[in-house]
PDB file of N, CA and C in Angstrom:
ATOM      1  N   MET A   1      33.662 -69.493 -60.005  1.00  0.00           N
ATOM      2  CA  MET A   1      35.035 -69.038 -60.024  1.00  0.00           C
ATOM      3  C   MET A   1      35.186 -67.896 -59.018  1.00  0.00           C
ATOM      4  N   TYR A   2      36.252 -67.926 -58.248  1.00  0.00           N
ATOM      5  CA  TYR A   2      36.531 -66.895 -57.255  1.00  0.00           C
ATOM      6  C   TYR A   2      37.630 -65.987 -57.764  1.00  0.00           C
ATOM      7  N   SER A   3      37.491 -64.709 -57.476  1.00  0.00           N
ATOM      8  CA  SER A   3      38.542 -63.772 -57.879  1.00  0.00           C
ATOM      9  C   SER A   3      39.305 -63.315 -56.641  1.00  0.00           C
ATOM     10  N   VAL A   4      40.589 -63.144 -56.799  1.00  0.00           N
ATOM     11  CA  VAL A   4      41.452 -62.689 -55.710  1.00  0.00           C
ATOM     12  C   VAL A   4      41.460 -61.175 -55.707  1.00  0.00           C
ATOM     13  N   GLU A   5      41.275 -60.575 -54.508  1.00  0.00           N
ATOM     14  CA  GLU A   5      41.238 -59.122 -54.393  1.00  0.00           C
ATOM     15  C   GLU A   5      42.321 -58.661 -53.419  1.00  0.00           C
ATOM     16  N   SER A   6      42.862 -57.496 -53.670  1.00  0.00           N
ATOM     17  CA  SER A   6      43.882 -56.908 -52.801  1.00  0.00           C
ATOM     18  C   SER A   6      43.315 -55.669 -52.126  1.00  0.00           C
ATOM     19  N   ASP A   7      43.930 -55.278 -51.040  1.00  0.00           N
ATOM     20  CA  ASP A   7      43.599 -54.038 -50.323  1.00  0.00           C
ATOM     21  C   ASP A   7      42.162 -53.980 -49.821  1.00  0.00           C
ATOM     22  N   VAL A   8      41.607 -55.098 -49.408  1.00  0.00           N
ATOM     23  CA  VAL A   8      40.286 -55.115 -48.792  1.00  0.00           C
ATOM     24  C   VAL A   8      40.522 -55.152 -47.280  1.00  0.00           C
ATOM     25  N   PRO A   9      40.106 -54.098 -46.538  1.00  0.00           N
ATOM     26  CA  PRO A   9      40.387 -54.059 -45.101  1.00  0.00           C
ATOM     27  C   PRO A   9      39.591 -55.117 -44.334  1.00  0.00           C
ATOM     28  N   ILE A  10      40.186 -55.610 -43.268  1.00  0.00           N
ATOM     29  CA  ILE A  10      39.529 -56.584 -42.409  1.00  0.00           C
ATOM     30  C   ILE A  10      38.615 -55.818 -41.460  1.00  0.00           C
ATOM     31  N   PRO A  11      37.335 -56.177 -41.371  1.00  0.00           N
ATOM     32  CA  PRO A  11      36.435 -55.477 -40.452  1.00  0.00           C
ATOM     33  C   PRO A  11      36.800 -55.792 -39.001  1.00  0.00           C
ATOM     34  N   PRO A  12      36.453 -54.898 -38.081  1.00  0.00           N
ATOM     35  CA  PRO A  12      36.766 -55.172 -36.673  1.00  0.00           C
ATOM     36  C   PRO A  12      36.018 -56.399 -36.172  1.00  0.00           C
ATOM     37  N   ALA A  13      36.604 -57.062 -35.186  1.00  0.00           N
ATOM     38  CA  ALA A  13      35.977 -58.251 -34.603  1.00  0.00           C
ATOM     39  C   ALA A  13      34.668 -57.862 -33.941  1.00  0.00           C
ATOM     40  N   SER A  14      33.727 -58.768 -33.963  1.00  0.00           N
ATOM     41  CA  SER A  14      32.453 -58.499 -33.312  1.00  0.00           C
ATOM     42  C   SER A  14      32.675 -58.398 -31.813  1.00  0.00           C
ATOM     43  N   SER A  15      31.883 -57.568 -31.176  1.00  0.00           N
ATOM     44  CA  SER A  15      32.041 -57.431 -29.727  1.00  0.00           C
ATOM     45  C   SER A  15      31.442 -58.649 -29.052  1.00  0.00           C
ATOM     46  N   ARG A  16      32.172 -59.192 -28.116  1.00  0.00           N
ATOM     47  CA  ARG A  16      31.704 -60.334 -27.354  1.00  0.00           C
ATOM     48  C   ARG A  16      31.525 -59.890 -25.918  1.00  0.00           C
ATOM     49  N   GLN A  17      30.699 -60.601 -25.204  1.00  0.00           N
ATOM     50  CA  GLN A  17      30.518 -60.273 -23.804  1.00  0.00           C
ATOM     51  C   GLN A  17      31.815 -60.578 -23.070  1.00  0.00           C
ATOM     52  N   THR A  18      32.271 -59.613 -22.312  1.00  0.00           N
ATOM     53  CA  THR A  18      33.515 -59.783 -21.586  1.00  0.00           C
ATOM     54  C   THR A  18      33.220 -59.879 -20.100  1.00  0.00           C
ATOM     55  N   TYR A  19      33.676 -60.936 -19.493  1.00  0.00           N
ATOM     56  CA  TYR A  19      33.507 -61.114 -18.059  1.00  0.00           C
ATOM     57  C   TYR A  19      34.715 -60.497 -17.348  1.00  0.00           C
ATOM     58  N   PRO A  20      34.561 -60.058 -16.113  1.00  0.00           N
ATOM     59  CA  PRO A  20      35.640 -59.346 -15.410  1.00  0.00           C
ATOM     60  C   PRO A  20      36.654 -60.265 -14.723  1.00  0.00           C
ATOM     61  N   TRP A  21      37.155 -61.261 -15.437  1.00  0.00           N
ATOM     62  CA  TRP A  21      38.050 -62.245 -14.831  1.00  0.00           C
ATOM     63  C   TRP A  21      39.253 -61.587 -14.164  1.00  0.00           C
ATOM     64  N   ALA A  22      39.955 -60.749 -14.889  1.00  0.00           N
ATOM     65  CA  ALA A  22      41.209 -60.170 -14.393  1.00  0.00           C
ATOM     66  C   ALA A  22      40.989 -59.157 -13.275  1.00  0.00           C
ATOM     67  N   ASP A  23      39.782 -58.621 -13.141  1.00  0.00           N
ATOM     68  CA  ASP A  23      39.498 -57.614 -12.121  1.00  0.00           C
ATOM     69  C   ASP A  23      39.097 -58.217 -10.779  1.00  0.00           C
ATOM     70  N   MET A  24      38.957 -59.536 -10.728  1.00  0.00           N
ATOM     71  CA  MET A  24      38.427 -60.179  -9.527  1.00  0.00           C
ATOM     72  C   MET A  24      39.527 -60.559  -8.544  1.00  0.00           C
ATOM     73  N   ASP A  25      39.221 -60.364  -7.257  1.00  0.00           N
ATOM     74  CA  ASP A  25      40.073 -60.848  -6.171  1.00  0.00           C
ATOM     75  C   ASP A  25      39.427 -62.109  -5.597  1.00  0.00           C
ATOM     76  N   ILE A  26      40.186 -62.864  -4.816  1.00  0.00           N
ATOM     77  CA  ILE A  26      39.650 -64.074  -4.193  1.00  0.00           C
ATOM     78  C   ILE A  26      38.433 -63.704  -3.349  1.00  0.00           C
ATOM     79  N   GLY A  27      37.340 -64.429  -3.556  1.00  0.00           N
ATOM     80  CA  GLY A  27      36.095 -64.190  -2.840  1.00  0.00           C
ATOM     81  C   GLY A  27      35.109 -63.319  -3.601  1.00  0.00           C
ATOM     82  N   ASP A  28      35.572 -62.601  -4.641  1.00  0.00           N
ATOM     83  CA  ASP A  28      34.667 -61.783  -5.460  1.00  0.00           C
ATOM     84  C   ASP A  28      33.806 -62.684  -6.333  1.00  0.00           C
ATOM     85  N   SER A  29      32.637 -62.185  -6.717  1.00  0.00           N
ATOM     86  CA  SER A  29      31.759 -62.939  -7.606  1.00  0.00           C
ATOM     87  C   SER A  29      31.009 -61.986  -8.517  1.00  0.00           C
ATOM     88  N   PHE A  30      30.442 -62.543  -9.576  1.00  0.00           N
ATOM     89  CA  PHE A  30      29.543 -61.783 -10.437  1.00  0.00           C
ATOM     90  C   PHE A  30      28.428 -62.703 -10.890  1.00  0.00           C
ATOM     91  N   PHE A  31      27.302 -62.104 -11.280  1.00  0.00           N
ATOM     92  CA  PHE A  31      26.108 -62.849 -11.646  1.00  0.00           C
ATOM     93  C   PHE A  31      25.804 -62.627 -13.114  1.00  0.00           C
ATOM     94  N   VAL A  32      25.506 -63.701 -13.830  1.00  0.00           N
ATOM     95  CA  VAL A  32      25.113 -63.642 -15.236  1.00  0.00           C
ATOM     96  C   VAL A  32      23.647 -64.066 -15.308  1.00  0.00           C
ATOM     97  N   PRO A  33      22.732 -63.106 -15.516  1.00  0.00           N
ATOM     98  CA  PRO A  33      21.315 -63.471 -15.570  1.00  0.00           C
ATOM     99  C   PRO A  33      21.015 -64.325 -16.803  1.00  0.00           C
ATOM    100  N   GLU A  34      20.203 -65.333 -16.605  1.00  0.00           N
ATOM    101  CA  GLU A  34      19.771 -66.216 -17.705  1.00  0.00           C
ATOM    102  C   GLU A  34      20.954 -66.833 -18.452  1.00  0.00           C
ATOM    103  N   GLY A  35      22.092 -67.010 -17.799  1.00  0.00           N
ATOM    104  CA  GLY A  35      23.266 -67.567 -18.458  1.00  0.00           C
ATOM    105  C   GLY A  35      23.251 -69.081 -18.494  1.00  0.00           C
ATOM    106  N   SER A  36      23.971 -69.648 -19.447  1.00  0.00           N
ATOM    107  CA  SER A  36      24.144 -71.093 -19.551  1.00  0.00           C
ATOM    108  C   SER A  36      25.343 -71.485 -18.696  1.00  0.00           C
ATOM    109  N   GLN A  37      25.132 -72.315 -17.680  1.00  0.00           N
ATOM    110  CA  GLN A  37      26.231 -72.685 -16.797  1.00  0.00           C
ATOM    111  C   GLN A  37      27.351 -73.369 -17.568  1.00  0.00           C
ATOM    112  N   LYS A  38      27.013 -74.183 -18.533  1.00  0.00           N
ATOM    113  CA  LYS A  38      28.031 -74.898 -19.296  1.00  0.00           C
ATOM    114  C   LYS A  38      28.937 -73.925 -20.052  1.00  0.00           C
ATOM    115  N   LYS A  39      28.358 -72.942 -20.716  1.00  0.00           N
ATOM    116  CA  LYS A  39      29.153 -71.973 -21.471  1.00  0.00           C
ATOM    117  C   LYS A  39      30.000 -71.105 -20.555  1.00  0.00           C
ATOM    118  N   ILE A  40      29.419 -70.676 -19.441  1.00  0.00           N
ATOM    119  CA  ILE A  40      30.149 -69.814 -18.517  1.00  0.00           C
ATOM    120  C   ILE A  40      31.255 -70.601 -17.826  1.00  0.00           C
ATOM    121  N   ALA A  41      30.998 -71.865 -17.495  1.00  0.00           N
ATOM    122  CA  ALA A  41      32.025 -72.701 -16.887  1.00  0.00           C
ATOM    123  C   ALA A  41      33.195 -72.914 -17.851  1.00  0.00           C
ATOM    124  N   CYS A  42      32.925 -73.067 -19.128  1.00  0.00           N
ATOM    125  CA  CYS A  42      33.999 -73.201 -20.124  1.00  0.00           C
ATOM    126  C   CYS A  42      34.819 -71.916 -20.205  1.00  0.00           C
ATOM    127  N   ALA A  43      34.133 -70.778 -20.215  1.00  0.00           N
ATOM    128  CA  ALA A  43      34.829 -69.490 -20.252  1.00  0.00           C
ATOM    129  C   ALA A  43      35.662 -69.306 -18.984  1.00  0.00           C
ATOM    130  N   ALA A  44      35.122 -69.705 -17.841  1.00  0.00           N
ATOM    131  CA  ALA A  44      35.849 -69.595 -16.575  1.00  0.00           C
ATOM    132  C   ALA A  44      37.089 -70.481 -16.578  1.00  0.00           C
ATOM    133  N   SER A  45      36.974 -71.665 -17.136  1.00  0.00           N
ATOM    134  CA  SER A  45      38.112 -72.581 -17.215  1.00  0.00           C
ATOM    135  C   SER A  45      39.223 -72.005 -18.091  1.00  0.00           C
ATOM    136  N   ARG A  46      38.843 -71.439 -19.233  1.00  0.00           N
ATOM    137  CA  ARG A  46      39.849 -70.815 -20.112  1.00  0.00           C
ATOM    138  C   ARG A  46      40.516 -69.638 -19.416  1.00  0.00           C
ATOM    139  N   ALA A  47      39.724 -68.810 -18.731  1.00  0.00           N
ATOM    140  CA  ALA A  47      40.275 -67.651 -18.028  1.00  0.00           C
ATOM    141  C   ALA A  47      41.197 -68.098 -16.899  1.00  0.00           C
ATOM    142  N   ALA A  48      40.812 -69.134 -16.175  1.00  0.00           N
ATOM    143  CA  ALA A  48      41.637 -69.638 -15.081  1.00  0.00           C
ATOM    144  C   ALA A  48      42.980 -70.134 -15.589  1.00  0.00           C
ATOM    145  N   SER A  49      42.987 -70.814 -16.716  1.00  0.00           N
ATOM    146  CA  SER A  49      44.241 -71.288 -17.307  1.00  0.00           C
ATOM    147  C   SER A  49      45.121 -70.129 -17.728  1.00  0.00           C
ATOM    148  N   ARG A  50      44.503 -69.133 -18.326  1.00  0.00           N
ATOM    149  CA  ARG A  50      45.245 -67.970 -18.817  1.00  0.00           C
ATOM    150  C   ARG A  50      45.810 -67.139 -17.661  1.00  0.00           C
ATOM    151  N   LEU A  51      45.044 -67.001 -16.571  1.00  0.00           N
ATOM    152  CA  LEU A  51      45.427 -66.120 -15.470  1.00  0.00           C
ATOM    153  C   LEU A  51      46.089 -66.843 -14.299  1.00  0.00           C
ATOM    154  N   GLY A  52      46.064 -68.172 -14.294  1.00  0.00           N
ATOM    155  CA  GLY A  52      46.622 -68.929 -13.176  1.00  0.00           C
ATOM    156  C   GLY A  52      45.774 -68.816 -11.922  1.00  0.00           C
ATOM    157  N   THR A  53      44.455 -68.780 -12.093  1.00  0.00           N
ATOM    158  CA  THR A  53      43.525 -68.655 -10.976  1.00  0.00           C
ATOM    159  C   THR A  53      42.551 -69.828 -10.992  1.00  0.00           C
ATOM    160  N   LYS A  54      41.547 -69.766 -10.119  1.00  0.00           N
ATOM    161  CA  LYS A  54      40.498 -70.782 -10.108  1.00  0.00           C
ATOM    162  C   LYS A  54      39.154 -70.088  -9.938  1.00  0.00           C
ATOM    163  N   PHE A  55      38.181 -70.497 -10.736  1.00  0.00           N
ATOM    164  CA  PHE A  55      36.830 -69.956 -10.656  1.00  0.00           C
ATOM    165  C   PHE A  55      35.843 -71.090 -10.418  1.00  0.00           C
ATOM    166  N   ILE A  56      34.780 -70.782  -9.685  1.00  0.00           N
ATOM    167  CA  ILE A  56      33.724 -71.758  -9.408  1.00  0.00           C
ATOM    168  C   ILE A  56      32.412 -71.175  -9.913  1.00  0.00           C
ATOM    169  N   THR A  57      31.632 -71.973 -10.633  1.00  0.00           N
ATOM    170  CA  THR A  57      30.329 -71.531 -11.135  1.00  0.00           C
ATOM    171  C   THR A  57      29.227 -72.346 -10.481  1.00  0.00           C
ATOM    172  N   ARG A  58      28.125 -71.684 -10.218  1.00  0.00           N
ATOM    173  CA  ARG A  58      26.954 -72.364  -9.667  1.00  0.00           C
ATOM    174  C   ARG A  58      25.697 -71.796 -10.306  1.00  0.00           C
ATOM    175  N   ARG A  59      24.776 -72.701 -10.660  1.00  0.00           N
ATOM    176  CA  ARG A  59      23.481 -72.273 -11.179  1.00  0.00           C
ATOM    177  C   ARG A  59      22.683 -71.716 -10.017  1.00  0.00           C
ATOM    178  N   MET A  60      22.102 -70.542 -10.224  1.00  0.00           N
ATOM    179  CA  MET A  60      21.265 -69.891  -9.226  1.00  0.00           C
ATOM    180  C   MET A  60      19.837 -69.847  -9.775  1.00  0.00           C
ATOM    181  N   LYS A  61      18.946 -69.212  -9.070  1.00  0.00           N
ATOM    182  CA  LYS A  61      17.538 -69.196  -9.450  1.00  0.00           C
ATOM    183  C   LYS A  61      17.312 -68.641 -10.861  1.00  0.00           C
ATOM    184  N   ASN A  62      17.918 -67.525 -11.195  1.00  0.00           N
ATOM    185  CA  ASN A  62      17.666 -66.876 -12.493  1.00  0.00           C
ATOM    186  C   ASN A  62      18.929 -66.689 -13.324  1.00  0.00           C
ATOM    187  N   GLY A  63      19.944 -67.515 -13.117  1.00  0.00           N
ATOM    188  CA  GLY A  63      21.170 -67.354 -13.885  1.00  0.00           C
ATOM    189  C   GLY A  63      22.310 -68.165 -13.285  1.00  0.00           C
ATOM    190  N   VAL A  64      23.518 -67.641 -13.455  1.00  0.00           N
ATOM    191  CA  VAL A  64      24.715 -68.330 -12.996  1.00  0.00           C
ATOM    192  C   VAL A  64      25.582 -67.330 -12.231  1.00  0.00           C
ATOM    193  N   ARG A  65      26.134 -67.754 -11.085  1.00  0.00           N
ATOM    194  CA  ARG A  65      27.058 -66.918 -10.336  1.00  0.00           C
ATOM    195  C   ARG A  65      28.440 -67.548 -10.426  1.00  0.00           C
ATOM    196  N   VAL A  66      29.455 -66.679 -10.566  1.00  0.00           N
ATOM    197  CA  VAL A  66      30.847 -67.114 -10.688  1.00  0.00           C
ATOM    198  C   VAL A  66      31.650 -66.484  -9.551  1.00  0.00           C
ATOM    199  N   TRP A  67      32.420 -67.303  -8.839  1.00  0.00           N
ATOM    200  CA  TRP A  67      33.294 -66.829  -7.776  1.00  0.00           C
ATOM    201  C   TRP A  67      34.747 -67.095  -8.158  1.00  0.00           C
ATOM    202  N   ARG A  68      35.633 -66.191  -7.713  1.00  0.00           N
ATOM    203  CA  ARG A  68      37.057 -66.479  -7.832  1.00  0.00           C
ATOM    204  C   ARG A  68      37.466 -67.163  -6.543  1.00  0.00           C
ATOM    205  N   ALA A  69      38.041 -68.355  -6.661  1.00  0.00           N
ATOM    206  CA  ALA A  69      38.388 -69.168  -5.494  1.00  0.00           C
ATOM    207  C   ALA A  69      39.888 -69.158  -5.189  1.00  0.00           C
ATOM    208  N   ALA A  70      40.717 -68.867  -6.136  1.00  0.00           N
ATOM    209  CA  ALA A  70      42.169 -68.857  -5.912  1.00  0.00           C
ATOM    210  C   ALA A  70      42.843 -67.938  -6.902  1.00  0.00           C
TER     211      ALA A  70
END
């Protein structure tokens, strides 16, 4: 049986890694060491939709690099 409780505060959201999408100009890039290209490409796609830009990801020797293309 579950009991209903009132006045229980919501804890703050966990901190997530934030990429500098909005701070980038065309031609800028950043490197994510040991990153998963699939996960970063998904994040880049969501950011591009939200910001009206385009990002390109490429797997590098020790991680993933992301460029702003438009």
